[in-house]
């Protein structure tokens, strides 16, 4: 079904324009699609419902809309972060410039709204539109926390629940709802998706400290240099000794680009004062909650197996 979802992604994005300038930008964007995590989540949750088989085509359309929403958000994220790379390739804004990237992201969102109306996907379309609101709220919240040494754990989770976890939750919600799952099942899967989305963001935060650009396909420590202090940094700052090391670096970061030595010092401090270790522990805590949810779900255990595998992937 993944290939069918990809076909709908091209259809919704108006791929017939591939010979035009906007088509070239869209082609690059669509070719940069990653693991389609949210698509898989939607389809896996749908497979637990009694109407799954008869709704497969509609589910593929909805999964394509969810994936394109994610893709549009990434295009805009790279503009805000001034990131020249995405998934190991030149980003849309890096290749075509910020103006073209803004319009490419807007174009994709316009196509999604148009397709929702034409296909009369009213209930799921409303959920997806509300999710975009939450994503924007999370991004704005994160932006308001930039360069703040005192950003709290609560603020961090509030922001990532919007900017990252909301779309995971909605993918589960749409899949389960459209496939006819009970309201109780839908609520369980929504919570599963929200927790999984937070695990996903926490894992991304860890990779910034444990991987290099070749491994993760983007520049490391870009968030820190942009004043976005992620969970490992926030947790390291719980230690007084870490504050003495990090505060001067964070103060300089407000007005000047940090050099390699300062970035290395920051990274070493976060690792030494267990910022990454605490982040792993938070992932494990969320994983435990999700495992409990899966154990509570009645029905086909074989259908639930892919959801276990998604969690294992984030725990690794």
Protein backbone atom coordinates (compact mmCIF):
# COMPACT_ATOMS: atom_id res chain seq x y z
CA UNK A 1 0.00 0.00 0.00
CA UNK A 2 2.96 2.33 0.45
CA UNK A 3 3.42 2.55 -3.32
CA UNK A 4 -0.25 3.45 -3.72
CA UNK A 5 0.18 6.18 -1.10
CA UNK A 6 3.14 7.56 -3.08
CA UNK A 7 1.01 7.62 -6.22
CA UNK A 8 -1.64 9.64 -4.43
CA UNK A 9 1.04 11.99 -3.12
CA UNK A 10 2.04 12.77 -6.70
CA UNK A 11 -1.60 13.14 -7.73
CA UNK A 12 -2.47 15.47 -4.87
CA UNK A 13 0.68 17.55 -5.46
CA UNK A 14 -0.44 18.01 -9.07
CA UNK A 15 2.53 16.15 -10.48
CA UNK A 16 1.29 16.90 -14.02
CA UNK A 17 3.13 20.20 -13.61
CA UNK A 18 6.47 18.41 -13.61
CA UNK A 19 7.61 20.18 -16.78
CA UNK A 20 7.16 23.60 -15.15
CA UNK A 21 9.37 25.41 -12.64
CA UNK A 22 7.03 24.64 -9.75
CA UNK A 23 7.01 21.02 -10.91
CA UNK A 24 10.79 20.80 -10.63
CA UNK A 25 10.65 22.01 -7.04
CA UNK A 26 7.84 19.59 -6.18
CA UNK A 27 9.62 16.70 -7.84
CA UNK A 28 12.67 17.28 -5.66
CA UNK A 29 10.48 17.58 -2.57
CA UNK A 30 8.57 14.36 -3.28
CA UNK A 31 11.73 12.46 -4.10
CA UNK A 32 13.08 13.45 -0.69
CA UNK A 33 10.35 11.53 1.14
CA UNK A 34 11.85 9.55 4.01
CA UNK A 35 10.66 6.42 5.81
CA UNK A 36 7.00 7.53 5.67
CA UNK A 37 6.69 6.85 9.38
CA UNK A 38 3.34 8.62 9.72
CA UNK A 39 1.88 6.83 6.71
CA UNK A 40 2.81 3.46 8.20
CA UNK A 41 1.33 4.49 11.52
CA UNK A 42 -1.99 5.45 9.92
CA UNK A 43 -2.21 2.21 7.96
CA UNK A 44 -1.14 0.01 10.87
CA UNK A 45 -3.78 1.55 13.14
CA UNK A 46 -6.39 1.22 10.41
CA UNK A 47 -5.60 -2.48 10.06
CA UNK A 48 -7.02 -2.96 13.57
CA UNK A 49 -10.48 -1.82 12.44
CA UNK A 50 -13.33 -3.91 11.00
CA UNK A 51 -13.66 -1.74 7.86
CA UNK A 52 -9.99 -1.83 6.91
CA UNK A 53 -10.30 -3.92 3.74
CA UNK A 54 -13.17 -1.93 2.25
CA UNK A 55 -11.56 1.43 3.11
CA UNK A 56 -8.05 0.74 1.76
CA UNK A 57 -8.24 3.20 -1.13
CA UNK A 58 -9.59 6.01 1.04
CA UNK A 59 -6.98 5.25 3.68
CA UNK A 60 -4.21 5.57 1.07
CA UNK A 61 -5.57 8.98 0.05
CA UNK A 62 -5.65 10.12 3.67
CA UNK A 63 -2.16 8.76 4.34
CA UNK A 64 -0.90 10.73 1.33
CA UNK A 65 -2.45 13.90 2.75
CA UNK A 66 -0.80 13.29 6.12
CA UNK A 67 2.57 12.64 4.48
CA UNK A 68 2.34 15.76 2.30
CA UNK A 69 1.45 17.84 5.35
CA UNK A 70 4.61 16.54 7.00
CA UNK A 71 6.63 17.27 3.84
CA UNK A 72 5.34 20.84 3.62
CA UNK A 73 6.23 21.38 7.28
CA UNK A 74 9.79 20.14 6.65
CA UNK A 75 10.22 22.55 3.74
CA UNK A 76 9.16 25.43 5.98
CA UNK A 77 11.28 24.16 8.90
CA UNK A 78 14.40 24.25 6.75
CA UNK A 79 13.69 27.88 5.88
CA UNK A 80 13.28 28.87 9.53
CA UNK A 81 16.40 26.92 10.54
CA UNK A 82 18.35 28.08 7.47
CA UNK A 83 19.26 24.44 6.89
CA UNK A 84 21.01 23.68 3.59
CA UNK A 85 20.53 19.91 3.93
CA UNK A 86 17.66 17.51 4.51
CA UNK A 87 18.11 13.73 4.68
CA UNK A 88 21.60 13.95 3.25
CA UNK A 89 20.56 16.00 0.22
CA UNK A 90 20.40 19.70 -0.53
CA UNK A 91 17.18 21.04 0.96
CA UNK A 92 14.56 22.81 -1.14
CA UNK A 93 15.55 26.20 0.28
CA UNK A 94 19.22 25.32 -0.16
CA UNK A 95 18.72 24.54 -3.85
CA UNK A 96 16.01 26.97 -4.93
CA UNK A 97 16.22 29.73 -2.31
CA UNK A 98 13.96 30.73 0.56
CA UNK A 99 11.27 32.40 -1.54
CA UNK A 100 10.70 29.36 -3.76
CA UNK A 101 10.72 27.09 -0.70
CA UNK A 102 8.06 29.18 1.06
CA UNK A 103 5.81 28.98 -1.97
CA UNK A 104 6.50 25.27 -2.48
CA UNK A 105 5.37 24.51 1.07
CA UNK A 106 2.33 26.76 0.66
CA UNK A 107 1.53 25.14 -2.70
CA UNK A 108 1.53 21.67 -1.14
CA UNK A 109 -0.80 22.79 1.65
CA UNK A 110 -3.13 24.42 -0.89
CA UNK A 111 -3.22 21.21 -2.91
CA UNK A 112 -4.06 19.21 0.23
CA UNK A 113 -6.98 21.52 1.07
CA UNK A 114 -8.21 21.36 -2.53
CA UNK A 115 -8.06 17.57 -2.58
CA UNK A 116 -9.87 17.34 0.76
CA UNK A 117 -12.72 19.40 -0.69
CA UNK A 118 -12.92 17.52 -3.99
CA UNK A 119 -12.90 14.12 -2.29
CA UNK A 120 -15.24 15.33 0.50
CA UNK A 121 -13.00 13.94 3.22
CA UNK A 122 -14.72 16.20 5.71
CA UNK A 123 -14.16 14.62 9.13
CA UNK A 124 -10.56 13.56 8.57
CA UNK A 125 -9.84 16.83 6.76
CA UNK A 126 -11.04 18.75 9.82
CA UNK A 127 -8.76 16.68 12.05
CA UNK A 128 -5.79 17.34 9.79
CA UNK A 129 -6.48 21.07 9.62
CA UNK A 130 -6.71 21.24 13.41
CA UNK A 131 -3.41 19.37 13.60
CA UNK A 132 -1.72 21.98 11.41
CA UNK A 133 -2.90 24.55 13.97
CA UNK A 134 -1.23 22.54 16.75
CA UNK A 135 1.95 22.19 14.68
CA UNK A 136 2.11 25.94 14.16
CA UNK A 137 1.40 26.62 17.84
CA UNK A 138 4.23 24.27 18.81
CA UNK A 139 6.64 25.94 16.41
CA UNK A 140 5.68 29.39 17.67
CA UNK A 141 6.13 28.22 21.26
CA UNK A 142 9.56 26.88 20.41
CA UNK A 143 10.46 30.15 18.70
CA UNK A 144 9.44 32.12 21.80
CA UNK A 145 11.77 29.93 23.88
CA UNK A 146 14.82 30.59 21.68
CA UNK A 147 18.05 31.49 23.48
CA UNK A 148 16.42 31.10 26.90
CA UNK A 149 18.68 29.37 29.43
CA UNK A 150 15.69 28.74 31.71
CA UNK A 151 13.42 26.89 29.25
CA UNK A 152 11.62 24.24 31.30
CA UNK A 153 10.90 20.57 30.72
CA UNK A 154 7.18 21.44 30.70
CA UNK A 155 7.66 24.06 27.98
CA UNK A 156 9.76 21.63 25.95
CA UNK A 157 7.06 18.94 26.01
CA UNK A 158 4.30 21.44 25.31
CA UNK A 159 6.15 22.56 22.20
CA UNK A 160 7.00 19.10 20.85
CA UNK A 161 3.48 17.83 21.48
CA UNK A 162 2.41 20.44 18.94
CA UNK A 163 5.22 20.57 16.42
CA UNK A 164 5.98 16.84 16.26
CA UNK A 165 3.63 14.59 18.22
CA UNK A 166 0.35 16.11 16.96
CA UNK A 167 0.74 14.68 13.46
CA UNK A 168 1.64 11.25 14.83
CA UNK A 169 -1.48 11.34 17.00
CA UNK A 170 -3.66 12.43 14.09
CA UNK A 171 -2.28 9.71 11.82
CA UNK A 172 -3.40 7.14 14.40
CA UNK A 173 -6.72 8.91 14.92
CA UNK A 174 -7.59 9.06 11.22
CA UNK A 175 -6.55 5.48 10.54
CA UNK A 176 -8.49 4.04 13.47
CA UNK A 177 -11.57 6.22 12.93
CA UNK A 178 -11.88 5.59 9.20
CA UNK A 179 -11.46 1.83 9.70
CA UNK A 180 -14.33 1.72 12.19
CA UNK A 181 -12.47 1.16 15.46
CA UNK A 182 -14.40 1.70 18.69
CA UNK A 183 -14.07 5.07 20.43
CA UNK A 184 -12.15 3.37 23.24
CA UNK A 185 -9.69 1.92 20.72
CA UNK A 186 -9.36 5.29 18.96
CA UNK A 187 -8.46 7.03 22.23
CA UNK A 188 -5.85 4.40 23.06
CA UNK A 189 -4.27 4.68 19.61
CA UNK A 190 -4.28 8.49 19.74
CA UNK A 191 -2.33 8.35 23.00
CA UNK A 192 -0.01 5.75 21.49
CA UNK A 193 0.65 8.08 18.55
CA UNK A 194 1.24 11.10 20.79
CA UNK A 195 3.74 9.17 22.91
CA UNK A 196 5.43 7.79 19.81
CA UNK A 197 5.76 11.29 18.36
CA UNK A 198 7.46 12.50 21.54
CA UNK A 199 9.77 9.46 21.44
CA UNK A 200 10.59 10.35 17.84
CA UNK A 201 11.54 13.93 18.78
CA UNK A 202 13.60 12.81 21.78
CA UNK A 203 15.46 10.31 19.60
CA UNK A 204 16.15 13.10 17.10
CA UNK A 205 17.53 15.21 19.96
CA UNK A 206 19.85 12.35 20.95
CA UNK A 207 21.13 11.82 17.42
CA UNK A 208 22.27 15.43 17.37
CA UNK A 209 24.80 14.47 20.07
CA UNK A 210 25.69 10.91 19.05
CA UNK A 211 25.81 11.01 15.23
CA UNK A 212 27.38 13.00 12.43
CA UNK A 213 25.99 14.61 9.30
CA UNK A 214 26.71 11.57 7.12
CA UNK A 215 24.62 9.41 9.45
CA UNK A 216 21.61 11.67 9.99
CA UNK A 217 21.65 13.66 6.74
CA UNK A 218 21.72 17.13 8.29
CA UNK A 219 24.07 19.43 10.17
CA UNK A 220 24.50 18.57 13.84
CA UNK A 221 23.91 21.10 16.65
CA UNK A 222 22.01 23.41 14.32
CA UNK A 223 19.25 23.65 16.95
CA UNK A 224 21.68 24.77 19.65
CA UNK A 225 23.25 27.39 17.38
CA UNK A 226 19.75 28.65 16.57
CA UNK A 227 18.97 28.99 20.28
CA UNK A 228 16.71 25.93 20.42
CA UNK A 229 17.76 24.09 23.55
CA UNK A 230 16.58 20.50 23.31
CA UNK A 231 15.90 17.92 26.00
CA UNK A 232 19.52 16.74 26.47
CA UNK A 233 20.62 20.35 27.05
CA UNK A 234 17.71 21.08 29.39
CA UNK A 235 18.48 17.98 31.44
CA UNK A 236 22.22 18.68 31.62
CA UNK A 237 21.37 22.13 32.96
CA UNK A 238 19.79 20.49 36.00
CA UNK A 239 23.40 20.09 37.23
CA UNK A 240 25.06 23.19 38.74
CA UNK A 241 28.46 22.33 37.27
CA UNK A 242 26.95 22.06 33.80
CA UNK A 243 25.40 25.51 34.20
CA UNK A 244 28.85 26.99 34.87
CA UNK A 245 30.08 25.55 31.58
CA UNK A 246 27.01 26.03 29.39
CA UNK A 247 25.72 29.45 30.49
CA UNK A 248 28.71 31.41 29.10
CA UNK A 249 28.43 29.50 25.81
CA UNK A 250 24.68 30.12 25.66
CA UNK A 251 25.20 33.81 26.41
CA UNK A 252 27.71 34.16 23.58
CA UNK A 253 25.36 32.22 21.31
CA UNK A 254 22.83 35.07 21.51
CA UNK A 255 24.96 37.41 19.45
CA UNK A 256 27.74 35.47 17.78
CA UNK A 257 28.16 32.25 15.86
CA UNK A 258 29.88 29.68 18.04
CA UNK A 259 33.17 28.26 16.83
CA UNK A 260 33.99 24.55 16.63
CA UNK A 261 35.79 24.54 19.98
CA UNK A 262 32.76 26.00 21.76
CA UNK A 263 30.41 23.52 20.09
CA UNK A 264 32.69 20.65 21.12
CA UNK A 265 32.81 21.97 24.69
CA UNK A 266 29.01 22.19 24.79
CA UNK A 267 28.61 18.68 23.41
CA UNK A 268 31.10 17.22 25.88
CA UNK A 269 29.34 18.94 28.77
CA UNK A 270 25.89 17.63 27.78
CA UNK A 271 27.28 14.11 27.48
CA UNK A 272 29.26 14.31 30.74
CA UNK A 273 26.35 15.63 32.77
CA UNK A 274 23.99 12.90 31.58
CA UNK A 275 21.78 14.98 29.30
CA UNK A 276 21.72 12.26 26.66
CA UNK A 277 21.33 9.52 29.26
CA UNK A 278 18.32 11.31 30.77
CA UNK A 279 16.81 11.59 27.29
CA UNK A 280 17.16 7.84 26.75
CA UNK A 281 15.41 7.32 30.09
CA UNK A 282 12.52 9.53 28.98
CA UNK A 283 12.18 7.49 25.79
CA UNK A 284 12.08 4.32 27.88
CA UNK A 285 9.37 5.83 30.09
CA UNK A 286 7.19 6.70 27.08
CA UNK A 287 7.88 3.28 25.59
CA UNK A 288 6.66 1.61 28.78
CA UNK A 289 3.40 3.56 28.55
CA UNK A 290 2.95 2.55 24.93
CA UNK A 291 3.65 -1.11 25.64
CA UNK A 292 0.91 -0.99 28.25
CA UNK A 293 -1.47 0.47 25.67
CA UNK A 294 -0.66 -2.30 23.19
CA UNK A 295 -1.18 -4.94 25.86
CA UNK A 296 -4.61 -3.47 26.59
CA UNK A 297 -5.70 -3.57 22.95
CA UNK A 298 -7.87 -6.57 22.24
CA UNK A 299 -7.90 -8.23 18.84
CA UNK A 300 -5.44 -9.44 16.25
CA UNK A 301 -2.01 -9.51 17.88
CA UNK A 302 -0.42 -10.03 14.46
CA UNK A 303 -1.88 -6.69 13.34
CA UNK A 304 -0.40 -4.99 16.41
CA UNK A 305 3.08 -6.39 15.73
CA UNK A 306 4.11 -3.53 13.37
CA UNK A 307 3.36 -1.04 16.15
CA UNK A 308 5.73 -2.92 18.46
CA UNK A 309 8.38 -2.76 15.73
CA UNK A 310 7.97 1.00 15.33
CA UNK A 311 8.67 1.42 19.03
CA UNK A 312 11.66 -0.91 18.91
CA UNK A 313 13.08 1.21 16.09
CA UNK A 314 12.92 4.35 18.25
CA UNK A 315 14.34 2.62 21.32
CA UNK A 316 17.40 1.30 19.45
